[in-house]
Amino acid sequence: MYPDGKVKVYIETPDETGGFHDAICWLPDYTWEVHGYSESEMMYFKQLIRDNAHLIIEFSQEGGILNAANI
């Protein structure tokens, strides 16, 4: 989590050409930067982030998912 309370969520998947598609979501604003994903792919990712934003924000305050899970 950044000092201003924002959390950067980064999504990246390989594409067919050996590159990557990526998207960044800034929480809690839900501001998106999208590169290469279709509308239907983005609908999935947006719902995934919305359904889990409370956990993402909580884990970011605790140092990330591995710290939160004590792994």
PDB file of N, CA and C in Angstrom:
ATOM      1  N   MET A   1       0.855  -1.172   0.000  1.00  0.00           N
ATOM      2  CA  MET A   1       0.000   0.000   0.000  1.00  0.00           C
ATOM      3  C   MET A   1       0.902   1.237   0.000  1.00  0.00           C
ATOM      4  N   TYR A   2       0.553   2.170  -0.834  1.00  0.00           N
ATOM      5  CA  TYR A   2       1.282   3.432  -0.906  1.00  0.00           C
ATOM      6  C   TYR A   2       0.872   4.336   0.253  1.00  0.00           C
ATOM      7  N   PRO A   3       1.711   5.308   0.591  1.00  0.00           N
ATOM      8  CA  PRO A   3       1.392   6.209   1.709  1.00  0.00           C
ATOM      9  C   PRO A   3       0.047   6.922   1.560  1.00  0.00           C
ATOM     10  N   ASP A   4      -0.408   7.137   0.316  1.00  0.00           N
ATOM     11  CA  ASP A   4      -1.689   7.817   0.099  1.00  0.00           C
ATOM     12  C   ASP A   4      -2.886   6.869   0.203  1.00  0.00           C
ATOM     13  N   GLY A   5      -2.636   5.596   0.560  1.00  0.00           N
ATOM     14  CA  GLY A   5      -3.713   4.626   0.725  1.00  0.00           C
ATOM     15  C   GLY A   5      -4.066   3.865  -0.531  1.00  0.00           C
ATOM     16  N   LYS A   6      -3.385   4.140  -1.634  1.00  0.00           N
ATOM     17  CA  LYS A   6      -3.686   3.442  -2.883  1.00  0.00           C
ATOM     18  C   LYS A   6      -2.933   2.118  -2.959  1.00  0.00           C
ATOM     19  N   VAL A   7      -3.558   1.173  -3.651  1.00  0.00           N
ATOM     20  CA  VAL A   7      -2.981  -0.142  -3.871  1.00  0.00           C
ATOM     21  C   VAL A   7      -2.974  -0.401  -5.373  1.00  0.00           C
ATOM     22  N   LYS A   8      -1.832  -0.814  -5.885  1.00  0.00           N
ATOM     23  CA  LYS A   8      -1.682  -1.113  -7.307  1.00  0.00           C
ATOM     24  C   LYS A   8      -1.824  -2.623  -7.501  1.00  0.00           C
ATOM     25  N   VAL A   9      -2.823  -3.019  -8.298  1.00  0.00           N
ATOM     26  CA  VAL A   9      -3.045  -4.422  -8.616  1.00  0.00           C
ATOM     27  C   VAL A   9      -2.659  -4.615 -10.080  1.00  0.00           C
ATOM     28  N   TYR A  10      -1.712  -5.512 -10.322  1.00  0.00           N
ATOM     29  CA  TYR A  10      -1.177  -5.709 -11.661  1.00  0.00           C
ATOM     30  C   TYR A  10      -1.587  -7.088 -12.162  1.00  0.00           C
ATOM     31  N   ILE A  11      -2.171  -7.127 -13.367  1.00  0.00           N
ATOM     32  CA  ILE A  11      -2.581  -8.376 -14.007  1.00  0.00           C
ATOM     33  C   ILE A  11      -1.792  -8.500 -15.292  1.00  0.00           C
ATOM     34  N   GLU A  12      -1.228  -9.693 -15.535  1.00  0.00           N
ATOM     35  CA  GLU A  12      -0.452  -9.901 -16.747  1.00  0.00           C
ATOM     36  C   GLU A  12      -0.637 -11.341 -17.213  1.00  0.00           C
ATOM     37  N   THR A  13      -0.892 -11.507 -18.507  1.00  0.00           N
ATOM     38  CA  THR A  13      -0.991 -12.845 -19.085  1.00  0.00           C
ATOM     39  C   THR A  13      -0.266 -12.845 -20.429  1.00  0.00           C
ATOM     40  N   PRO A  14       0.331 -14.000 -20.792  1.00  0.00           N
ATOM     41  CA  PRO A  14       1.026 -14.068 -22.076  1.00  0.00           C
ATOM     42  C   PRO A  14       0.039 -14.005 -23.244  1.00  0.00           C
ATOM     43  N   ASP A  15       0.501 -13.455 -24.362  1.00  0.00           N
ATOM     44  CA  ASP A  15      -0.322 -13.456 -25.573  1.00  0.00           C
ATOM     45  C   ASP A  15       0.248 -14.453 -26.575  1.00  0.00           C
ATOM     46  N   GLU A  16      -0.370 -14.531 -27.751  1.00  0.00           N
ATOM     47  CA  GLU A  16       0.003 -15.513 -28.764  1.00  0.00           C
ATOM     48  C   GLU A  16       1.326 -15.185 -29.461  1.00  0.00           C
ATOM     49  N   THR A  17       1.807 -13.967 -29.341  1.00  0.00           N
ATOM     50  CA  THR A  17       2.994 -13.535 -30.076  1.00  0.00           C
ATOM     51  C   THR A  17       4.268 -13.569 -29.232  1.00  0.00           C
ATOM     52  N   GLY A  18       4.183 -14.100 -28.031  1.00  0.00           N
ATOM     53  CA  GLY A  18       5.341 -14.137 -27.147  1.00  0.00           C
ATOM     54  C   GLY A  18       5.454 -12.923 -26.245  1.00  0.00           C
ATOM     55  N   GLY A  19       4.475 -12.039 -26.321  1.00  0.00           N
ATOM     56  CA  GLY A  19       4.441 -10.860 -25.458  1.00  0.00           C
ATOM     57  C   GLY A  19       3.446 -11.063 -24.332  1.00  0.00           C
ATOM     58  N   PHE A  20       2.949  -9.947 -23.820  1.00  0.00           N
ATOM     59  CA  PHE A  20       2.016 -10.003 -22.704  1.00  0.00           C
ATOM     60  C   PHE A  20       0.917  -8.964 -22.870  1.00  0.00           C
ATOM     61  N   HIS A  21      -0.258  -9.285 -22.338  1.00  0.00           N
ATOM     62  CA  HIS A  21      -1.313  -8.312 -22.105  1.00  0.00           C
ATOM     63  C   HIS A  21      -1.195  -7.932 -20.633  1.00  0.00           C
ATOM     64  N   ASP A  22      -1.526  -6.695 -20.318  1.00  0.00           N
ATOM     65  CA  ASP A  22      -1.471  -6.298 -18.915  1.00  0.00           C
ATOM     66  C   ASP A  22      -2.542  -5.274 -18.602  1.00  0.00           C
ATOM     67  N   ALA A  23      -2.875  -5.234 -17.328  1.00  0.00           N
ATOM     68  CA  ALA A  23      -3.831  -4.248 -16.824  1.00  0.00           C
ATOM     69  C   ALA A  23      -3.418  -3.891 -15.401  1.00  0.00           C
ATOM     70  N   ILE A  24      -3.612  -2.643 -15.063  1.00  0.00           N
ATOM     71  CA  ILE A  24      -3.342  -2.153 -13.714  1.00  0.00           C
ATOM     72  C   ILE A  24      -4.640  -1.568 -13.179  1.00  0.00           C
ATOM     73  N   CYS A  25      -4.971  -1.957 -11.965  1.00  0.00           N
ATOM     74  CA  CYS A  25      -6.125  -1.371 -11.277  1.00  0.00           C
ATOM     75  C   CYS A  25      -5.599  -0.704 -10.015  1.00  0.00           C
ATOM     76  N   TRP A  26      -5.984   0.556  -9.844  1.00  0.00           N
ATOM     77  CA  TRP A  26      -5.627   1.296  -8.630  1.00  0.00           C
ATOM     78  C   TRP A  26      -6.825   1.285  -7.693  1.00  0.00           C
ATOM     79  N   LEU A  27      -6.629   0.680  -6.546  1.00  0.00           N
ATOM     80  CA  LEU A  27      -7.666   0.671  -5.522  1.00  0.00           C
ATOM     81  C   LEU A  27      -7.358   1.767  -4.507  1.00  0.00           C
ATOM     82  N   PRO A  28      -8.318   2.349  -3.857  1.00  0.00           N
ATOM     83  CA  PRO A  28      -9.731   2.011  -3.872  1.00  0.00           C
ATOM     84  C   PRO A  28     -10.539   2.727  -4.959  1.00  0.00           C
ATOM     85  N   ASP A  29      -9.866   3.419  -5.873  1.00  0.00           N
ATOM     86  CA  ASP A  29     -10.568   4.200  -6.908  1.00  0.00           C
ATOM     87  C   ASP A  29     -11.131   3.356  -8.045  1.00  0.00           C
ATOM     88  N   TYR A  30     -10.591   2.147  -8.255  1.00  0.00           N
ATOM     89  CA  TYR A  30     -10.930   1.303  -9.399  1.00  0.00           C
ATOM     90  C   TYR A  30     -10.610   2.003 -10.717  1.00  0.00           C
ATOM     91  N   THR A  31      -9.474   2.684 -10.758  1.00  0.00           N
ATOM     92  CA  THR A  31      -8.974   3.313 -11.973  1.00  0.00           C
ATOM     93  C   THR A  31      -8.150   2.274 -12.723  1.00  0.00           C
ATOM     94  N   TRP A  32      -8.435   2.109 -14.026  1.00  0.00           N
ATOM     95  CA  TRP A  32      -7.802   1.063 -14.819  1.00  0.00           C
ATOM     96  C   TRP A  32      -6.914   1.624 -15.916  1.00  0.00           C
ATOM     97  N   GLU A  33      -5.803   0.931 -16.162  1.00  0.00           N
ATOM     98  CA  GLU A  33      -4.947   1.122 -17.330  1.00  0.00           C
ATOM     99  C   GLU A  33      -4.884  -0.247 -18.003  1.00  0.00           C
ATOM    100  N   VAL A  34      -5.340  -0.342 -19.261  1.00  0.00           N
ATOM    101  CA  VAL A  34      -5.480  -1.638 -19.921  1.00  0.00           C
ATOM    102  C   VAL A  34      -4.681  -1.657 -21.218  1.00  0.00           C
ATOM    103  N   HIS A  35      -3.951  -2.765 -21.419  1.00  0.00           N
ATOM    104  CA  HIS A  35      -3.153  -2.931 -22.635  1.00  0.00           C
ATOM    105  C   HIS A  35      -3.353  -4.341 -23.188  1.00  0.00           C
ATOM    106  N   GLY A  36      -4.194  -4.451 -24.214  1.00  0.00           N
ATOM    107  CA  GLY A  36      -4.316  -5.702 -24.949  1.00  0.00           C
ATOM    108  C   GLY A  36      -5.477  -6.606 -24.617  1.00  0.00           C
ATOM    109  N   TYR A  37      -6.193  -6.362 -23.535  1.00  0.00           N
ATOM    110  CA  TYR A  37      -7.302  -7.230 -23.171  1.00  0.00           C
ATOM    111  C   TYR A  37      -8.587  -6.818 -23.882  1.00  0.00           C
ATOM    112  N   SER A  38      -9.421  -7.815 -24.183  1.00  0.00           N
ATOM    113  CA  SER A  38     -10.724  -7.565 -24.793  1.00  0.00           C
ATOM    114  C   SER A  38     -11.707  -7.094 -23.718  1.00  0.00           C
ATOM    115  N   GLU A  39     -12.843  -6.610 -24.154  1.00  0.00           N
ATOM    116  CA  GLU A  39     -13.883  -6.171 -23.217  1.00  0.00           C
ATOM    117  C   GLU A  39     -14.352  -7.328 -22.344  1.00  0.00           C
ATOM    118  N   SER A  40     -14.525  -8.522 -22.935  1.00  0.00           N
ATOM    119  CA  SER A  40     -14.995  -9.663 -22.135  1.00  0.00           C
ATOM    120  C   SER A  40     -13.937 -10.095 -21.114  1.00  0.00           C
ATOM    121  N   GLU A  41     -12.665 -10.041 -21.480  1.00  0.00           N
ATOM    122  CA  GLU A  41     -11.611 -10.348 -20.522  1.00  0.00           C
ATOM    123  C   GLU A  41     -11.625  -9.328 -19.388  1.00  0.00           C
ATOM    124  N   MET A  42     -11.802  -8.069 -19.732  1.00  0.00           N
ATOM    125  CA  MET A  42     -11.805  -7.025 -18.712  1.00  0.00           C
ATOM    126  C   MET A  42     -13.024  -7.137 -17.804  1.00  0.00           C
ATOM    127  N   MET A  43     -14.156  -7.569 -18.338  1.00  0.00           N
ATOM    128  CA  MET A  43     -15.327  -7.785 -17.488  1.00  0.00           C
ATOM    129  C   MET A  43     -14.999  -8.811 -16.398  1.00  0.00           C
ATOM    130  N   TYR A  44     -14.301  -9.876 -16.782  1.00  0.00           N
ATOM    131  CA  TYR A  44     -13.901 -10.904 -15.819  1.00  0.00           C
ATOM    132  C   TYR A  44     -12.958 -10.325 -14.763  1.00  0.00           C
ATOM    133  N   PHE A  45     -11.899  -9.625 -15.209  1.00  0.00           N
ATOM    134  CA  PHE A  45     -10.919  -9.081 -14.265  1.00  0.00           C
ATOM    135  C   PHE A  45     -11.531  -8.022 -13.349  1.00  0.00           C
ATOM    136  N   LYS A  46     -12.397  -7.190 -13.892  1.00  0.00           N
ATOM    137  CA  LYS A  46     -13.033  -6.162 -13.067  1.00  0.00           C
ATOM    138  C   LYS A  46     -13.896  -6.783 -11.976  1.00  0.00           C
ATOM    139  N   GLN A  47     -14.631  -7.843 -12.313  1.00  0.00           N
ATOM    140  CA  GLN A  47     -15.451  -8.524 -11.311  1.00  0.00           C
ATOM    141  C   GLN A  47     -14.565  -9.219 -10.282  1.00  0.00           C
ATOM    142  N   LEU A  48     -13.474  -9.831 -10.734  1.00  0.00           N
ATOM    143  CA  LEU A  48     -12.542 -10.492  -9.832  1.00  0.00           C
ATOM    144  C   LEU A  48     -11.968  -9.510  -8.817  1.00  0.00           C
ATOM    145  N   ILE A  49     -11.546  -8.347  -9.290  1.00  0.00           N
ATOM    146  CA  ILE A  49     -10.980  -7.335  -8.383  1.00  0.00           C
ATOM    147  C   ILE A  49     -12.053  -6.802  -7.441  1.00  0.00           C
ATOM    148  N   ARG A  50     -13.242  -6.509  -7.965  1.00  0.00           N
ATOM    149  CA  ARG A  50     -14.316  -5.996  -7.099  1.00  0.00           C
ATOM    150  C   ARG A  50     -14.676  -6.998  -6.005  1.00  0.00           C
ATOM    151  N   ASP A  51     -14.745  -8.284  -6.373  1.00  0.00           N
ATOM    152  CA  ASP A  51     -15.113  -9.309  -5.390  1.00  0.00           C
ATOM    153  C   ASP A  51     -14.043  -9.499  -4.320  1.00  0.00           C
ATOM    154  N   ASN A  52     -12.799  -9.147  -4.623  1.00  0.00           N
ATOM    155  CA  ASN A  52     -11.694  -9.413  -3.705  1.00  0.00           C
ATOM    156  C   ASN A  52     -10.955  -8.171  -3.226  1.00  0.00           C
ATOM    157  N   ALA A  53     -11.445  -6.987  -3.561  1.00  0.00           N
ATOM    158  CA  ALA A  53     -10.757  -5.740  -3.210  1.00  0.00           C
ATOM    159  C   ALA A  53     -10.542  -5.617  -1.710  1.00  0.00           C
ATOM    160  N   HIS A  54     -11.511  -6.007  -0.919  1.00  0.00           N
ATOM    161  CA  HIS A  54     -11.351  -5.894   0.537  1.00  0.00           C
ATOM    162  C   HIS A  54     -10.184  -6.744   1.031  1.00  0.00           C
ATOM    163  N   LEU A  55      -9.984  -7.917   0.454  1.00  0.00           N
ATOM    164  CA  LEU A  55      -8.862  -8.770   0.840  1.00  0.00           C
ATOM    165  C   LEU A  55      -7.538  -8.216   0.323  1.00  0.00           C
ATOM    166  N   ILE A  56      -7.539  -7.740  -0.917  1.00  0.00           N
ATOM    167  CA  ILE A  56      -6.326  -7.169  -1.503  1.00  0.00           C
ATOM    168  C   ILE A  56      -5.849  -5.989  -0.664  1.00  0.00           C
ATOM    169  N   ILE A  57      -6.766  -5.111  -0.291  1.00  0.00           N
ATOM    170  CA  ILE A  57      -6.404  -3.949   0.526  1.00  0.00           C
ATOM    171  C   ILE A  57      -5.926  -4.392   1.908  1.00  0.00           C
ATOM    172  N   GLU A  58      -6.621  -5.332   2.505  1.00  0.00           N
ATOM    173  CA  GLU A  58      -6.210  -5.830   3.832  1.00  0.00           C
ATOM    174  C   GLU A  58      -4.810  -6.437   3.769  1.00  0.00           C
ATOM    175  N   PHE A  59      -4.562  -7.311   2.797  1.00  0.00           N
ATOM    176  CA  PHE A  59      -3.252  -7.962   2.685  1.00  0.00           C
ATOM    177  C   PHE A  59      -2.150  -6.954   2.383  1.00  0.00           C
ATOM    178  N   SER A  60      -2.470  -5.915   1.612  1.00  0.00           N
ATOM    179  CA  SER A  60      -1.447  -4.913   1.305  1.00  0.00           C
ATOM    180  C   SER A  60      -1.021  -4.159   2.565  1.00  0.00           C
ATOM    181  N   GLN A  61      -1.917  -4.021   3.504  1.00  0.00           N
ATOM    182  CA  GLN A  61      -1.595  -3.346   4.770  1.00  0.00           C
ATOM    183  C   GLN A  61      -0.727  -4.230   5.659  1.00  0.00           C
ATOM    184  N   GLU A  62      -0.792  -5.542   5.430  1.00  0.00           N
ATOM    185  CA  GLU A  62      -0.042  -6.493   6.245  1.00  0.00           C
ATOM    186  C   GLU A  62       1.240  -6.944   5.548  1.00  0.00           C
ATOM    187  N   GLY A  63       1.602  -6.320   4.452  1.00  0.00           N
ATOM    188  CA  GLY A  63       2.838  -6.660   3.766  1.00  0.00           C
ATOM    189  C   GLY A  63       2.680  -7.664   2.638  1.00  0.00           C
ATOM    190  N   GLY A  64       1.479  -7.924   2.192  1.00  0.00           N
ATOM    191  CA  GLY A  64       1.256  -8.833   1.065  1.00  0.00           C
ATOM    192  C   GLY A  64       0.636 -10.131   1.502  1.00  0.00           C
ATOM    193  N   ILE A  65       0.219 -10.907   0.530  1.00  0.00           N
ATOM    194  CA  ILE A  65      -0.523 -12.145   0.797  1.00  0.00           C
ATOM    195  C   ILE A  65       0.345 -13.177   1.526  1.00  0.00           C
ATOM    196  N   LEU A  66       1.631 -13.253   1.222  1.00  0.00           N
ATOM    197  CA  LEU A  66       2.468 -14.241   1.910  1.00  0.00           C
ATOM    198  C   LEU A  66       2.642 -13.892   3.380  1.00  0.00           C
ATOM    199  N   ASN A  67       2.777 -12.624   3.726  1.00  0.00           N
ATOM    200  CA  ASN A  67       2.863 -12.227   5.135  1.00  0.00           C
ATOM    201  C   ASN A  67       1.544 -12.451   5.847  1.00  0.00           C
ATOM    202  N   ALA A  68       0.439 -12.168   5.171  1.00  0.00           N
ATOM    203  CA  ALA A  68      -0.875 -12.311   5.785  1.00  0.00           C
ATOM    204  C   ALA A  68      -1.179 -13.782   6.093  1.00  0.00           C
ATOM    205  N   ALA A  69      -0.664 -14.674   5.241  1.00  0.00           N
ATOM    206  CA  ALA A  69      -0.923 -16.095   5.428  1.00  0.00           C
ATOM    207  C   ALA A  69       0.147 -16.784   6.287  1.00  0.00           C
ATOM    208  N   ASN A  70       1.177 -16.008   6.707  1.00  0.00           N
ATOM    209  CA  ASN A  70       2.289 -16.553   7.499  1.00  0.00           C
ATOM    210  C   ASN A  70       2.974 -17.718   6.802  1.00  0.00           C
ATOM    211  N   ILE A  71       3.167 -17.572   5.496  1.00  0.00           N
ATOM    212  CA  ILE A  71       3.858 -18.620   4.712  1.00  0.00           C
ATOM    213  C   ILE A  71       5.334 -18.302   4.675  1.00  0.00           C
TER     214      ILE A  71
END
